[in-house]
Amino acid sequence: MATVETVLSSIFSTIPELHSGQLGLLAGVLVGLLYWHGHRQSSLALLTAFYLLALGVVPAPSRGLIVVQSKPWYFCSFLVLTSVSAIGLRVMWARVSGSSRPQVPEIGQREI
């Protein structure tokens, strides 16, 4: 039976790779939460900024970003995977919840 340690060691060969992947996952969750709560443009701008930081287009003055920029493949893949999953989940949620409820105009709006 595979343990967490054996699975992680098969994916990541060094600690910086693991940390870069973890930071990408957390950044993707942040982008997904922003998108989920209606901040569409802000979340996509943040996704772009994180991606450019990871690729080294923007210099990294802090130590955490140096770890990310040393192994950008892990950061970028987890960032994009998590962000796209959250955005897709939000779109599916909107379709499911929108189709199950009848459209009721909000207070102050007129029916046309």
N, C-alpha and C. Protein backbone atom coordinates (compact mmCIF):
# COMPACT_ATOMS: atom_id res chain seq x y z
N MET A 1 0.84 -1.17 0.00
CA MET A 1 0.00 0.00 0.00
C MET A 1 0.89 1.24 0.00
N ALA A 2 0.56 2.17 -0.86
CA ALA A 2 1.36 3.39 -0.99
C ALA A 2 1.03 4.37 0.13
N THR A 3 2.07 4.93 0.69
CA THR A 3 1.89 5.96 1.70
C THR A 3 2.09 7.32 1.05
N VAL A 4 1.76 8.35 1.80
CA VAL A 4 1.92 9.71 1.29
C VAL A 4 3.39 9.98 0.96
N GLU A 5 4.27 9.49 1.80
CA GLU A 5 5.70 9.71 1.59
C GLU A 5 6.19 9.07 0.29
N THR A 6 5.75 7.86 -0.01
CA THR A 6 6.20 7.21 -1.24
C THR A 6 5.60 7.87 -2.48
N VAL A 7 4.37 8.33 -2.38
CA VAL A 7 3.75 9.01 -3.52
C VAL A 7 4.45 10.34 -3.78
N LEU A 8 4.68 11.12 -2.72
CA LEU A 8 5.35 12.40 -2.90
C LEU A 8 6.78 12.24 -3.39
N SER A 9 7.48 11.22 -2.91
CA SER A 9 8.86 11.01 -3.36
C SER A 9 8.92 10.53 -4.80
N SER A 10 7.85 9.92 -5.30
CA SER A 10 7.83 9.53 -6.71
C SER A 10 7.55 10.72 -7.63
N ILE A 11 6.87 11.73 -7.11
CA ILE A 11 6.56 12.92 -7.91
C ILE A 11 7.68 13.95 -7.80
N PHE A 12 8.10 14.23 -6.58
CA PHE A 12 9.10 15.26 -6.32
C PHE A 12 10.40 14.61 -5.88
N SER A 13 11.51 15.00 -6.49
CA SER A 13 12.78 14.40 -6.11
C SER A 13 13.55 15.25 -5.10
N THR A 14 13.22 16.55 -4.98
CA THR A 14 13.89 17.41 -4.00
C THR A 14 12.87 18.22 -3.23
N ILE A 15 13.31 18.77 -2.12
CA ILE A 15 12.43 19.60 -1.29
C ILE A 15 12.01 20.89 -2.01
N PRO A 16 12.90 21.59 -2.73
CA PRO A 16 12.43 22.78 -3.45
C PRO A 16 11.34 22.48 -4.48
N GLU A 17 11.38 21.32 -5.10
CA GLU A 17 10.31 20.95 -6.02
C GLU A 17 8.98 20.80 -5.28
N LEU A 18 9.02 20.17 -4.13
CA LEU A 18 7.81 20.00 -3.31
C LEU A 18 7.27 21.34 -2.87
N HIS A 19 8.15 22.22 -2.39
CA HIS A 19 7.69 23.54 -1.93
C HIS A 19 7.17 24.38 -3.08
N SER A 20 7.78 24.28 -4.23
CA SER A 20 7.30 25.01 -5.39
C SER A 20 5.91 24.53 -5.79
N GLY A 21 5.69 23.22 -5.76
CA GLY A 21 4.37 22.68 -6.06
C GLY A 21 3.32 23.09 -5.05
N GLN A 22 3.71 23.11 -3.77
CA GLN A 22 2.79 23.53 -2.72
C GLN A 22 2.40 24.99 -2.88
N LEU A 23 3.37 25.84 -3.18
CA LEU A 23 3.08 27.26 -3.39
C LEU A 23 2.19 27.46 -4.61
N GLY A 24 2.40 26.68 -5.65
CA GLY A 24 1.54 26.75 -6.82
C GLY A 24 0.11 26.34 -6.52
N LEU A 25 -0.02 25.30 -5.71
CA LEU A 25 -1.35 24.84 -5.30
C LEU A 25 -2.06 25.92 -4.48
N LEU A 26 -1.36 26.51 -3.53
CA LEU A 26 -1.97 27.56 -2.70
C LEU A 26 -2.31 28.80 -3.53
N ALA A 27 -1.43 29.18 -4.45
CA ALA A 27 -1.72 30.32 -5.31
C ALA A 27 -2.93 30.03 -6.20
N GLY A 28 -3.04 28.82 -6.68
CA GLY A 28 -4.20 28.44 -7.49
C GLY A 28 -5.49 28.46 -6.69
N VAL A 29 -5.42 28.05 -5.44
CA VAL A 29 -6.60 28.12 -4.57
C VAL A 29 -7.02 29.58 -4.36
N LEU A 30 -6.04 30.46 -4.17
CA LEU A 30 -6.35 31.88 -4.00
C LEU A 30 -7.01 32.45 -5.26
N VAL A 31 -6.47 32.13 -6.41
CA VAL A 31 -7.06 32.59 -7.68
C VAL A 31 -8.47 32.02 -7.83
N GLY A 32 -8.64 30.75 -7.52
CA GLY A 32 -9.96 30.13 -7.61
C GLY A 32 -10.98 30.75 -6.66
N LEU A 33 -10.55 31.06 -5.45
CA LEU A 33 -11.46 31.71 -4.50
C LEU A 33 -11.88 33.10 -4.97
N LEU A 34 -10.94 33.85 -5.51
CA LEU A 34 -11.29 35.16 -6.05
C LEU A 34 -12.29 35.03 -7.19
N TYR A 35 -12.06 34.07 -8.07
CA TYR A 35 -12.96 33.86 -9.19
C TYR A 35 -14.33 33.41 -8.70
N TRP A 36 -14.36 32.51 -7.73
CA TRP A 36 -15.62 31.98 -7.20
C TRP A 36 -16.49 33.08 -6.60
N HIS A 37 -15.84 34.07 -5.98
CA HIS A 37 -16.59 35.14 -5.32
C HIS A 37 -16.87 36.33 -6.22
N GLY A 38 -16.68 36.15 -7.52
CA GLY A 38 -17.11 37.17 -8.46
C GLY A 38 -16.05 38.15 -8.91
N HIS A 39 -14.84 38.02 -8.48
CA HIS A 39 -13.76 38.93 -8.89
C HIS A 39 -13.06 38.33 -10.11
N ARG A 40 -13.75 38.31 -11.23
CA ARG A 40 -13.27 37.63 -12.42
C ARG A 40 -11.99 38.25 -12.96
N GLN A 41 -12.01 39.55 -13.21
CA GLN A 41 -10.84 40.20 -13.80
C GLN A 41 -9.66 40.21 -12.84
N SER A 42 -9.92 40.42 -11.56
CA SER A 42 -8.84 40.43 -10.57
C SER A 42 -8.19 39.06 -10.47
N SER A 43 -8.99 38.01 -10.51
CA SER A 43 -8.43 36.67 -10.38
C SER A 43 -7.58 36.30 -11.59
N LEU A 44 -8.03 36.67 -12.78
CA LEU A 44 -7.25 36.36 -13.98
C LEU A 44 -5.98 37.21 -14.04
N ALA A 45 -6.04 38.44 -13.54
CA ALA A 45 -4.83 39.28 -13.47
C ALA A 45 -3.84 38.70 -12.47
N LEU A 46 -4.35 38.20 -11.35
CA LEU A 46 -3.48 37.58 -10.35
C LEU A 46 -2.86 36.30 -10.88
N LEU A 47 -3.63 35.52 -11.61
CA LEU A 47 -3.11 34.31 -12.24
C LEU A 47 -1.96 34.65 -13.20
N THR A 48 -2.15 35.68 -13.99
CA THR A 48 -1.10 36.12 -14.92
C THR A 48 0.13 36.61 -14.16
N ALA A 49 -0.08 37.38 -13.10
CA ALA A 49 1.04 37.89 -12.31
C ALA A 49 1.83 36.76 -11.67
N PHE A 50 1.14 35.78 -11.08
CA PHE A 50 1.82 34.63 -10.49
C PHE A 50 2.64 33.87 -11.54
N TYR A 51 2.05 33.70 -12.71
CA TYR A 51 2.72 32.96 -13.77
C TYR A 51 3.98 33.69 -14.22
N LEU A 52 3.89 35.01 -14.39
CA LEU A 52 5.05 35.80 -14.80
C LEU A 52 6.12 35.82 -13.72
N LEU A 53 5.72 35.84 -12.46
CA LEU A 53 6.69 35.76 -11.37
C LEU A 53 7.43 34.43 -11.40
N ALA A 54 6.71 33.37 -11.64
CA ALA A 54 7.32 32.04 -11.64
C ALA A 54 8.29 31.87 -12.81
N LEU A 55 7.98 32.47 -13.94
CA LEU A 55 8.85 32.34 -15.10
C LEU A 55 10.06 33.25 -15.03
N GLY A 56 10.08 34.17 -14.07
CA GLY A 56 11.23 35.05 -13.90
C GLY A 56 11.17 36.31 -14.72
N VAL A 57 10.03 36.61 -15.31
CA VAL A 57 9.88 37.86 -16.05
C VAL A 57 10.00 39.04 -15.09
N VAL A 58 9.44 38.87 -13.89
CA VAL A 58 9.55 39.86 -12.83
C VAL A 58 10.59 39.34 -11.84
N PRO A 59 11.58 40.16 -11.43
CA PRO A 59 12.61 39.67 -10.51
C PRO A 59 12.03 39.33 -9.14
N ALA A 60 12.66 38.37 -8.48
CA ALA A 60 12.19 37.89 -7.19
C ALA A 60 13.12 38.34 -6.07
N PRO A 61 12.72 39.30 -5.27
CA PRO A 61 13.59 39.75 -4.18
C PRO A 61 13.52 38.88 -2.94
N SER A 62 12.45 38.09 -2.80
CA SER A 62 12.30 37.30 -1.58
C SER A 62 12.72 35.85 -1.80
N ARG A 63 13.00 35.18 -0.72
CA ARG A 63 13.52 33.82 -0.79
C ARG A 63 12.49 32.82 -1.34
N GLY A 64 11.23 32.99 -0.98
CA GLY A 64 10.19 32.08 -1.46
C GLY A 64 10.04 32.11 -2.97
N LEU A 65 10.15 33.29 -3.55
CA LEU A 65 10.04 33.38 -5.00
C LEU A 65 11.26 32.79 -5.70
N ILE A 66 12.41 32.83 -5.04
CA ILE A 66 13.60 32.21 -5.62
C ILE A 66 13.40 30.70 -5.72
N VAL A 67 12.75 30.11 -4.71
CA VAL A 67 12.45 28.68 -4.74
C VAL A 67 11.50 28.38 -5.89
N VAL A 68 10.51 29.23 -6.07
CA VAL A 68 9.55 29.03 -7.15
C VAL A 68 10.23 29.17 -8.50
N GLN A 69 11.09 30.18 -8.64
CA GLN A 69 11.75 30.40 -9.92
C GLN A 69 12.82 29.36 -10.23
N SER A 70 13.31 28.66 -9.20
CA SER A 70 14.28 27.60 -9.48
C SER A 70 13.59 26.36 -10.05
N LYS A 71 12.34 26.13 -9.70
CA LYS A 71 11.55 25.00 -10.21
C LYS A 71 10.20 25.50 -10.70
N PRO A 72 10.17 26.31 -11.77
CA PRO A 72 8.89 26.91 -12.18
C PRO A 72 7.89 25.92 -12.77
N TRP A 73 8.37 24.78 -13.27
CA TRP A 73 7.45 23.83 -13.89
C TRP A 73 6.43 23.33 -12.88
N TYR A 74 6.88 23.03 -11.67
CA TYR A 74 5.96 22.53 -10.63
C TYR A 74 4.98 23.61 -10.21
N PHE A 75 5.49 24.81 -9.97
CA PHE A 75 4.63 25.91 -9.55
C PHE A 75 3.59 26.20 -10.62
N CYS A 76 4.02 26.37 -11.86
CA CYS A 76 3.10 26.73 -12.94
C CYS A 76 2.06 25.65 -13.20
N SER A 77 2.48 24.39 -13.16
CA SER A 77 1.52 23.33 -13.44
C SER A 77 0.47 23.22 -12.34
N PHE A 78 0.89 23.30 -11.08
CA PHE A 78 -0.09 23.24 -9.99
C PHE A 78 -0.96 24.50 -9.96
N LEU A 79 -0.38 25.66 -10.27
CA LEU A 79 -1.14 26.90 -10.32
C LEU A 79 -2.23 26.83 -11.38
N VAL A 80 -1.87 26.44 -12.58
CA VAL A 80 -2.84 26.39 -13.67
C VAL A 80 -3.87 25.29 -13.43
N LEU A 81 -3.43 24.12 -12.99
CA LEU A 81 -4.35 23.01 -12.74
C LEU A 81 -5.39 23.38 -11.68
N THR A 82 -4.95 23.95 -10.58
CA THR A 82 -5.87 24.32 -9.51
C THR A 82 -6.79 25.44 -9.93
N SER A 83 -6.25 26.46 -10.60
CA SER A 83 -7.07 27.60 -11.03
C SER A 83 -8.13 27.18 -12.04
N VAL A 84 -7.72 26.41 -13.04
CA VAL A 84 -8.68 25.98 -14.07
C VAL A 84 -9.73 25.05 -13.46
N SER A 85 -9.34 24.23 -12.52
CA SER A 85 -10.31 23.35 -11.84
C SER A 85 -11.33 24.17 -11.07
N ALA A 86 -10.87 25.18 -10.34
CA ALA A 86 -11.79 26.02 -9.57
C ALA A 86 -12.71 26.82 -10.48
N ILE A 87 -12.17 27.35 -11.56
CA ILE A 87 -12.99 28.12 -12.50
C ILE A 87 -14.01 27.21 -13.18
N GLY A 88 -13.59 26.03 -13.59
CA GLY A 88 -14.52 25.08 -14.20
C GLY A 88 -15.60 24.62 -13.24
N LEU A 89 -15.21 24.41 -11.98
CA LEU A 89 -16.19 24.03 -10.96
C LEU A 89 -17.20 25.14 -10.74
N ARG A 90 -16.74 26.39 -10.77
CA ARG A 90 -17.65 27.52 -10.60
C ARG A 90 -18.64 27.61 -11.76
N VAL A 91 -18.15 27.39 -12.97
CA VAL A 91 -19.03 27.44 -14.14
C VAL A 91 -20.06 26.33 -14.07
N MET A 92 -19.64 25.13 -13.70
CA MET A 92 -20.58 24.02 -13.57
C MET A 92 -21.59 24.28 -12.46
N TRP A 93 -21.13 24.83 -11.36
CA TRP A 93 -22.02 25.15 -10.24
C TRP A 93 -23.07 26.16 -10.66
N ALA A 94 -22.66 27.17 -11.43
CA ALA A 94 -23.60 28.19 -11.89
C ALA A 94 -24.65 27.58 -12.82
N ARG A 95 -24.24 26.66 -13.67
CA ARG A 95 -25.19 26.03 -14.58
C ARG A 95 -26.17 25.14 -13.83
N VAL A 96 -25.67 24.38 -12.88
CA VAL A 96 -26.54 23.47 -12.12
C VAL A 96 -27.49 24.25 -11.24
N SER A 97 -26.97 25.21 -10.51
CA SER A 97 -27.84 25.96 -9.60
C SER A 97 -28.76 26.90 -10.36
N GLY A 98 -28.33 27.38 -11.53
CA GLY A 98 -29.18 28.26 -12.33
C GLY A 98 -30.31 27.52 -13.01
N SER A 99 -30.10 26.27 -13.38
CA SER A 99 -31.14 25.52 -14.07
C SER A 99 -32.16 24.92 -13.11
N SER A 100 -31.79 24.76 -11.85
CA SER A 100 -32.72 24.16 -10.90
C SER A 100 -33.64 25.18 -10.25
N ARG A 101 -33.29 26.46 -10.32
CA ARG A 101 -34.14 27.50 -9.74
C ARG A 101 -34.83 28.31 -10.83
N PRO A 102 -36.06 28.67 -10.61
CA PRO A 102 -36.71 29.55 -11.58
C PRO A 102 -36.12 30.95 -11.48
N GLN A 103 -36.11 31.66 -12.59
CA GLN A 103 -35.59 33.02 -12.62
C GLN A 103 -36.61 33.95 -11.98
N VAL A 104 -36.23 34.57 -10.87
CA VAL A 104 -37.09 35.50 -10.17
C VAL A 104 -36.41 36.86 -10.19
N PRO A 105 -37.11 37.89 -10.64
CA PRO A 105 -36.48 39.21 -10.66
C PRO A 105 -36.22 39.69 -9.23
N GLU A 106 -35.12 40.39 -9.05
CA GLU A 106 -34.78 40.90 -7.73
C GLU A 106 -35.61 42.13 -7.42
N ILE A 107 -35.62 42.50 -6.18
CA ILE A 107 -36.40 43.67 -5.76
C ILE A 107 -35.86 44.91 -6.46
N GLY A 108 -36.74 45.70 -6.98
CA GLY A 108 -36.34 46.92 -7.67
C GLY A 108 -36.16 46.75 -9.16
N GLN A 109 -36.19 45.53 -9.67
CA GLN A 109 -36.07 45.30 -11.10
C GLN A 109 -37.45 45.03 -11.68
N ARG A 110 -37.66 45.52 -12.87
CA ARG A 110 -38.94 45.29 -13.54
C ARG A 110 -38.83 44.12 -14.49
N GLU A 111 -39.93 43.39 -14.61
CA GLU A 111 -39.96 42.32 -15.61
C GLU A 111 -40.24 42.95 -16.96
N ILE A 112 -39.59 42.42 -17.97
CA ILE A 112 -39.78 42.97 -19.32
C ILE A 112 -40.59 41.98 -20.13
